């Protein structure tokens, strides 16, 4: 399908500099057709999905960790 992956950890993201996770998601939608997000156990992705029109796949959060 020709997709590329952009791997971003919390150490390399603008969240480390104080940007909110909400702003990070809004910024990433400019670069992506979809987002696959895995977060620490204390984050609920569903609360951020309405912030973007980009498709979001929950790869693990407070409710969905394997």
PDB file of N, CA and C in Angstrom:
ATOM      1  N   UNK A   1       0.810  -1.188   0.000  1.00  0.00           N
ATOM      2  CA  UNK A   1       0.000   0.000   0.000  1.00  0.00           C
ATOM      3  C   UNK A   1       0.859   1.260   0.000  1.00  0.00           C
ATOM      4  N   UNK A   2       2.134   1.148   0.183  1.00  0.00           N
ATOM      5  CA  UNK A   2       3.010   2.301   0.091  1.00  0.00           C
ATOM      6  C   UNK A   2       3.065   3.178   1.318  1.00  0.00           C
ATOM      7  N   UNK A   3       2.620   2.681   2.438  1.00  0.00           N
ATOM      8  CA  UNK A   3       2.633   3.498   3.649  1.00  0.00           C
ATOM      9  C   UNK A   3       4.003   3.580   4.287  1.00  0.00           C
ATOM     10  N   UNK A   4       4.248   4.657   4.954  1.00  0.00           N
ATOM     11  CA  UNK A   4       5.466   4.842   5.731  1.00  0.00           C
ATOM     12  C   UNK A   4       5.087   5.038   7.185  1.00  0.00           C
ATOM     13  N   UNK A   5       6.010   4.721   8.059  1.00  0.00           N
ATOM     14  CA  UNK A   5       5.777   4.827   9.492  1.00  0.00           C
ATOM     15  C   UNK A   5       6.652   5.927  10.067  1.00  0.00           C
ATOM     16  N   UNK A   6       6.070   6.753  10.909  1.00  0.00           N
ATOM     17  CA  UNK A   6       6.817   7.767  11.651  1.00  0.00           C
ATOM     18  C   UNK A   6       6.763   7.354  13.110  1.00  0.00           C
ATOM     19  N   UNK A   7       7.872   6.862  13.639  1.00  0.00           N
ATOM     20  CA  UNK A   7       7.920   6.444  15.043  1.00  0.00           C
ATOM     21  C   UNK A   7       8.344   7.625  15.892  1.00  0.00           C
ATOM     22  N   UNK A   8       7.521   7.966  16.858  1.00  0.00           N
ATOM     23  CA  UNK A   8       7.831   9.081  17.746  1.00  0.00           C
ATOM     24  C   UNK A   8       7.633   8.613  19.175  1.00  0.00           C
ATOM     25  N   UNK A   9       8.669   8.724  19.965  1.00  0.00           N
ATOM     26  CA  UNK A   9       8.537   8.385  21.379  1.00  0.00           C
ATOM     27  C   UNK A   9       8.315   9.669  22.170  1.00  0.00           C
ATOM     28  N   UNK A  10       7.936   9.525  23.408  1.00  0.00           N
ATOM     29  CA  UNK A  10       7.713  10.715  24.231  1.00  0.00           C
ATOM     30  C   UNK A  10       9.002  11.508  24.420  1.00  0.00           C
ATOM     31  N   UNK A  11      10.137  10.848  24.287  1.00  0.00           N
ATOM     32  CA  UNK A  11      11.410  11.545  24.455  1.00  0.00           C
ATOM     33  C   UNK A  11      11.755  12.415  23.252  1.00  0.00           C
ATOM     34  N   UNK A  12      11.223  12.072  22.085  1.00  0.00           N
ATOM     35  CA  UNK A  12      11.549  12.829  20.883  1.00  0.00           C
ATOM     36  C   UNK A  12      10.426  13.715  20.394  1.00  0.00           C
ATOM     37  N   UNK A  13       9.369  13.826  21.150  1.00  0.00           N
ATOM     38  CA  UNK A  13       8.218  14.611  20.700  1.00  0.00           C
ATOM     39  C   UNK A  13       8.223  15.996  21.338  1.00  0.00           C
ATOM     40  N   UNK A  14       7.368  16.847  20.808  1.00  0.00           N
ATOM     41  CA  UNK A  14       7.230  18.187  21.358  1.00  0.00           C
ATOM     42  C   UNK A  14       6.531  18.160  22.716  1.00  0.00           C
ATOM     43  N   UNK A  15       5.934  17.024  23.087  1.00  0.00           N
ATOM     44  CA  UNK A  15       5.326  16.888  24.410  1.00  0.00           C
ATOM     45  C   UNK A  15       6.395  17.013  25.493  1.00  0.00           C
ATOM     46  N   UNK A  16       7.596  16.610  25.167  1.00  0.00           N
ATOM     47  CA  UNK A  16       8.720  16.722  26.095  1.00  0.00           C
ATOM     48  C   UNK A  16       9.015  18.196  26.393  1.00  0.00           C
ATOM     49  N   UNK A  17       8.687  19.071  25.438  1.00  0.00           N
ATOM     50  CA  UNK A  17       8.941  20.505  25.596  1.00  0.00           C
ATOM     51  C   UNK A  17       7.747  21.243  26.180  1.00  0.00           C
ATOM     52  N   UNK A  18       6.684  20.509  26.510  1.00  0.00           N
ATOM     53  CA  UNK A  18       5.541  21.131  27.149  1.00  0.00           C
ATOM     54  C   UNK A  18       4.283  21.217  26.303  1.00  0.00           C
ATOM     55  N   UNK A  19       4.332  20.793  25.034  1.00  0.00           N
ATOM     56  CA  UNK A  19       3.134  20.801  24.201  1.00  0.00           C
ATOM     57  C   UNK A  19       2.162  19.737  24.719  1.00  0.00           C
ATOM     58  N   UNK A  20       0.888  20.030  24.656  1.00  0.00           N
ATOM     59  CA  UNK A  20      -0.100  19.065  25.125  1.00  0.00           C
ATOM     60  C   UNK A  20      -0.243  17.918  24.123  1.00  0.00           C
ATOM     61  N   UNK A  21      -0.742  16.784  24.596  1.00  0.00           N
ATOM     62  CA  UNK A  21      -0.969  15.633  23.720  1.00  0.00           C
ATOM     63  C   UNK A  21      -2.015  15.979  22.665  1.00  0.00           C
ATOM     64  N   UNK A  22      -3.000  16.796  23.030  1.00  0.00           N
ATOM     65  CA  UNK A  22      -4.021  17.238  22.083  1.00  0.00           C
ATOM     66  C   UNK A  22      -3.400  18.016  20.932  1.00  0.00           C
ATOM     67  N   UNK A  23      -2.502  18.941  21.247  1.00  0.00           N
ATOM     68  CA  UNK A  23      -1.826  19.721  20.206  1.00  0.00           C
ATOM     69  C   UNK A  23      -0.939  18.829  19.341  1.00  0.00           C
ATOM     70  N   UNK A  24      -0.308  17.850  19.968  1.00  0.00           N
ATOM     71  CA  UNK A  24       0.539  16.918  19.227  1.00  0.00           C
ATOM     72  C   UNK A  24      -0.284  16.155  18.186  1.00  0.00           C
ATOM     73  N   UNK A  25      -1.457  15.675  18.568  1.00  0.00           N
ATOM     74  CA  UNK A  25      -2.315  14.943  17.632  1.00  0.00           C
ATOM     75  C   UNK A  25      -2.745  15.846  16.485  1.00  0.00           C
ATOM     76  N   UNK A  26      -3.128  17.078  16.790  1.00  0.00           N
ATOM     77  CA  UNK A  26      -3.535  18.019  15.743  1.00  0.00           C
ATOM     78  C   UNK A  26      -2.382  18.316  14.794  1.00  0.00           C
ATOM     79  N   UNK A  27      -1.172  18.403  15.311  1.00  0.00           N
ATOM     80  CA  UNK A  27      -0.002  18.646  14.456  1.00  0.00           C
ATOM     81  C   UNK A  27       0.288  17.449  13.556  1.00  0.00           C
ATOM     82  N   UNK A  28       0.176  16.252  14.099  1.00  0.00           N
ATOM     83  CA  UNK A  28       0.490  15.051  13.329  1.00  0.00           C
ATOM     84  C   UNK A  28      -0.475  14.809  12.180  1.00  0.00           C
ATOM     85  N   UNK A  29      -1.720  15.274  12.295  1.00  0.00           N
ATOM     86  CA  UNK A  29      -2.673  15.030  11.221  1.00  0.00           C
ATOM     87  C   UNK A  29      -2.264  15.743   9.931  1.00  0.00           C
ATOM     88  N   UNK A  30      -1.406  16.741  10.020  1.00  0.00           N
ATOM     89  CA  UNK A  30      -0.904  17.418   8.819  1.00  0.00           C
ATOM     90  C   UNK A  30       0.074  16.532   8.051  1.00  0.00           C
ATOM     91  N   UNK A  31       0.652  15.542   8.717  1.00  0.00           N
ATOM     92  CA  UNK A  31       1.653  14.670   8.117  1.00  0.00           C
ATOM     93  C   UNK A  31       1.116  13.284   7.768  1.00  0.00           C
ATOM     94  N   UNK A  32      -0.065  12.930   8.253  1.00  0.00           N
ATOM     95  CA  UNK A  32      -0.525  11.545   8.166  1.00  0.00           C
ATOM     96  C   UNK A  32      -1.938  11.429   7.603  1.00  0.00           C
ATOM     97  N   UNK A  33      -2.202  10.273   7.001  1.00  0.00           N
ATOM     98  CA  UNK A  33      -3.559   9.926   6.591  1.00  0.00           C
ATOM     99  C   UNK A  33      -4.289   9.199   7.711  1.00  0.00           C
ATOM    100  N   UNK A  34      -3.542   8.601   8.615  1.00  0.00           N
ATOM    101  CA  UNK A  34      -4.108   7.923   9.775  1.00  0.00           C
ATOM    102  C   UNK A  34      -3.059   7.898  10.881  1.00  0.00           C
ATOM    103  N   UNK A  35      -3.521   7.716  12.095  1.00  0.00           N
ATOM    104  CA  UNK A  35      -2.630   7.649  13.257  1.00  0.00           C
ATOM    105  C   UNK A  35      -2.862   6.333  13.982  1.00  0.00           C
ATOM    106  N   UNK A  36      -1.784   5.648  14.288  1.00  0.00           N
ATOM    107  CA  UNK A  36      -1.844   4.457  15.137  1.00  0.00           C
ATOM    108  C   UNK A  36      -1.081   4.843  16.397  1.00  0.00           C
ATOM    109  N   UNK A  37      -1.801   4.896  17.499  1.00  0.00           N
ATOM    110  CA  UNK A  37      -1.228   5.459  18.723  1.00  0.00           C
ATOM    111  C   UNK A  37      -1.221   4.427  19.834  1.00  0.00           C
ATOM    112  N   UNK A  38      -0.053   4.261  20.453  1.00  0.00           N
ATOM    113  CA  UNK A  38       0.077   3.459  21.673  1.00  0.00           C
ATOM    114  C   UNK A  38       0.583   4.413  22.740  1.00  0.00           C
ATOM    115  N   UNK A  39      -0.105   4.456  23.863  1.00  0.00           N
ATOM    116  CA  UNK A  39       0.216   5.420  24.905  1.00  0.00           C
ATOM    117  C   UNK A  39       0.484   4.720  26.232  1.00  0.00           C
ATOM    118  N   UNK A  40       1.007   5.474  27.188  1.00  0.00           N
ATOM    119  CA  UNK A  40       1.175   4.911  28.535  1.00  0.00           C
ATOM    120  C   UNK A  40      -0.176   4.527  29.135  1.00  0.00           C
ATOM    121  N   UNK A  41      -0.151   3.783  30.195  1.00  0.00           N
ATOM    122  CA  UNK A  41      -1.374   3.262  30.811  1.00  0.00           C
ATOM    123  C   UNK A  41      -2.310   4.325  31.357  1.00  0.00           C
ATOM    124  N   UNK A  42      -1.849   5.557  31.531  1.00  0.00           N
ATOM    125  CA  UNK A  42      -2.707   6.582  32.141  1.00  0.00           C
ATOM    126  C   UNK A  42      -3.405   7.488  31.124  1.00  0.00           C
ATOM    127  N   UNK A  43      -3.359   7.146  29.834  1.00  0.00           N
ATOM    128  CA  UNK A  43      -3.983   7.961  28.789  1.00  0.00           C
ATOM    129  C   UNK A  43      -5.119   7.186  28.138  1.00  0.00           C
ATOM    130  N   UNK A  44      -6.233   7.862  27.901  1.00  0.00           N
ATOM    131  CA  UNK A  44      -7.370   7.268  27.212  1.00  0.00           C
ATOM    132  C   UNK A  44      -7.472   7.897  25.821  1.00  0.00           C
ATOM    133  N   UNK A  45      -7.121   7.147  24.777  1.00  0.00           N
ATOM    134  CA  UNK A  45      -7.117   7.650  23.397  1.00  0.00           C
ATOM    135  C   UNK A  45      -8.496   8.136  22.974  1.00  0.00           C
ATOM    136  N   UNK A  46      -9.552   7.468  23.423  1.00  0.00           N
ATOM    137  CA  UNK A  46     -10.903   7.847  23.008  1.00  0.00           C
ATOM    138  C   UNK A  46     -11.222   9.304  23.313  1.00  0.00           C
ATOM    139  N   UNK A  47     -10.621   9.856  24.343  1.00  0.00           N
ATOM    140  CA  UNK A  47     -10.874  11.255  24.680  1.00  0.00           C
ATOM    141  C   UNK A  47     -10.199  12.214  23.696  1.00  0.00           C
ATOM    142  N   UNK A  48      -9.275  11.714  22.871  1.00  0.00           N
ATOM    143  CA  UNK A  48      -8.568  12.565  21.906  1.00  0.00           C
ATOM    144  C   UNK A  48      -9.050  12.373  20.469  1.00  0.00           C
ATOM    145  N   UNK A  49      -9.798  11.312  20.211  1.00  0.00           N
ATOM    146  CA  UNK A  49     -10.207  10.999  18.839  1.00  0.00           C
ATOM    147  C   UNK A  49     -11.035  12.120  18.218  1.00  0.00           C
ATOM    148  N   UNK A  50     -11.882  12.767  18.984  1.00  0.00           N
ATOM    149  CA  UNK A  50     -12.725  13.817  18.430  1.00  0.00           C
ATOM    150  C   UNK A  50     -11.940  15.075  18.061  1.00  0.00           C
ATOM    151  N   UNK A  51     -10.672  15.156  18.421  1.00  0.00           N
ATOM    152  CA  UNK A  51      -9.851  16.323  18.105  1.00  0.00           C
ATOM    153  C   UNK A  51      -9.369  16.358  16.661  1.00  0.00           C
ATOM    154  N   UNK A  52      -9.459  15.242  15.962  1.00  0.00           N
ATOM    155  CA  UNK A  52      -8.894  15.157  14.624  1.00  0.00           C
ATOM    156  C   UNK A  52      -9.880  14.510  13.661  1.00  0.00           C
ATOM    157  N   UNK A  53      -9.748  14.855  12.399  1.00  0.00           N
ATOM    158  CA  UNK A  53     -10.544  14.196  11.370  1.00  0.00           C
ATOM    159  C   UNK A  53      -9.776  13.021  10.768  1.00  0.00           C
ATOM    160  N   UNK A  54      -8.526  12.860  11.172  1.00  0.00           N
ATOM    161  CA  UNK A  54      -7.695  11.749  10.730  1.00  0.00           C
ATOM    162  C   UNK A  54      -8.149  10.474  11.431  1.00  0.00           C
ATOM    163  N   UNK A  55      -8.100   9.352  10.724  1.00  0.00           N
ATOM    164  CA  UNK A  55      -8.447   8.070  11.336  1.00  0.00           C
ATOM    165  C   UNK A  55      -7.444   7.739  12.436  1.00  0.00           C
ATOM    166  N   UNK A  56      -7.944   7.230  13.543  1.00  0.00           N
ATOM    167  CA  UNK A  56      -7.090   6.870  14.677  1.00  0.00           C
ATOM    168  C   UNK A  56      -7.326   5.408  15.022  1.00  0.00           C
ATOM    169  N   UNK A  57      -6.228   4.661  15.131  1.00  0.00           N
ATOM    170  CA  UNK A  57      -6.278   3.271  15.573  1.00  0.00           C
ATOM    171  C   UNK A  57      -5.640   3.218  16.953  1.00  0.00           C
ATOM    172  N   UNK A  58      -6.370   2.677  17.901  1.00  0.00           N
ATOM    173  CA  UNK A  58      -5.880   2.559  19.263  1.00  0.00           C
ATOM    174  C   UNK A  58      -5.011   1.313  19.361  1.00  0.00           C
ATOM    175  N   UNK A  59      -3.698   1.506  19.515  1.00  0.00           N
ATOM    176  CA  UNK A  59      -2.762   0.389  19.619  1.00  0.00           C
ATOM    177  C   UNK A  59      -2.416   0.084  21.066  1.00  0.00           C
ATOM    178  N   UNK A  60      -3.130   0.697  21.987  1.00  0.00           N
ATOM    179  CA  UNK A  60      -2.928   0.423  23.408  1.00  0.00           C
ATOM    180  C   UNK A  60      -2.999   1.680  24.237  1.00  0.00           C
ATOM    181  N   UNK A  61      -3.905   1.684  25.197  1.00  0.00           N
ATOM    182  CA  UNK A  61      -4.023   2.774  26.137  1.00  0.00           C
ATOM    183  C   UNK A  61      -4.539   2.220  27.455  1.00  0.00           C
ATOM    184  N   UNK A  62      -5.097   3.092  28.295  1.00  0.00           N
ATOM    185  CA  UNK A  62      -5.557   2.681  29.616  1.00  0.00           C
ATOM    186  C   UNK A  62      -6.621   1.575  29.548  1.00  0.00           C
ATOM    187  N   UNK A  63      -7.400   1.551  28.462  1.00  0.00           N
ATOM    188  CA  UNK A  63      -8.470   0.554  28.338  1.00  0.00           C
ATOM    189  C   UNK A  63      -8.121  -0.600  27.411  1.00  0.00           C
ATOM    190  N   UNK A  64      -7.127  -0.448  26.566  1.00  0.00           N
ATOM    191  CA  UNK A  64      -6.911  -1.407  25.500  1.00  0.00           C
ATOM    192  C   UNK A  64      -5.539  -2.080  25.473  1.00  0.00           C
ATOM    193  N   UNK A  65      -4.738  -1.960  26.531  1.00  0.00           N
ATOM    194  CA  UNK A  65      -3.430  -2.608  26.508  1.00  0.00           C
ATOM    195  C   UNK A  65      -3.598  -4.116  26.421  1.00  0.00           C
ATOM    196  N   UNK A  66      -2.797  -4.744  25.553  1.00  0.00           N
ATOM    197  CA  UNK A  66      -2.888  -6.202  25.408  1.00  0.00           C
ATOM    198  C   UNK A  66      -2.421  -6.927  26.663  1.00  0.00           C
TER     199      UNK A  66
END
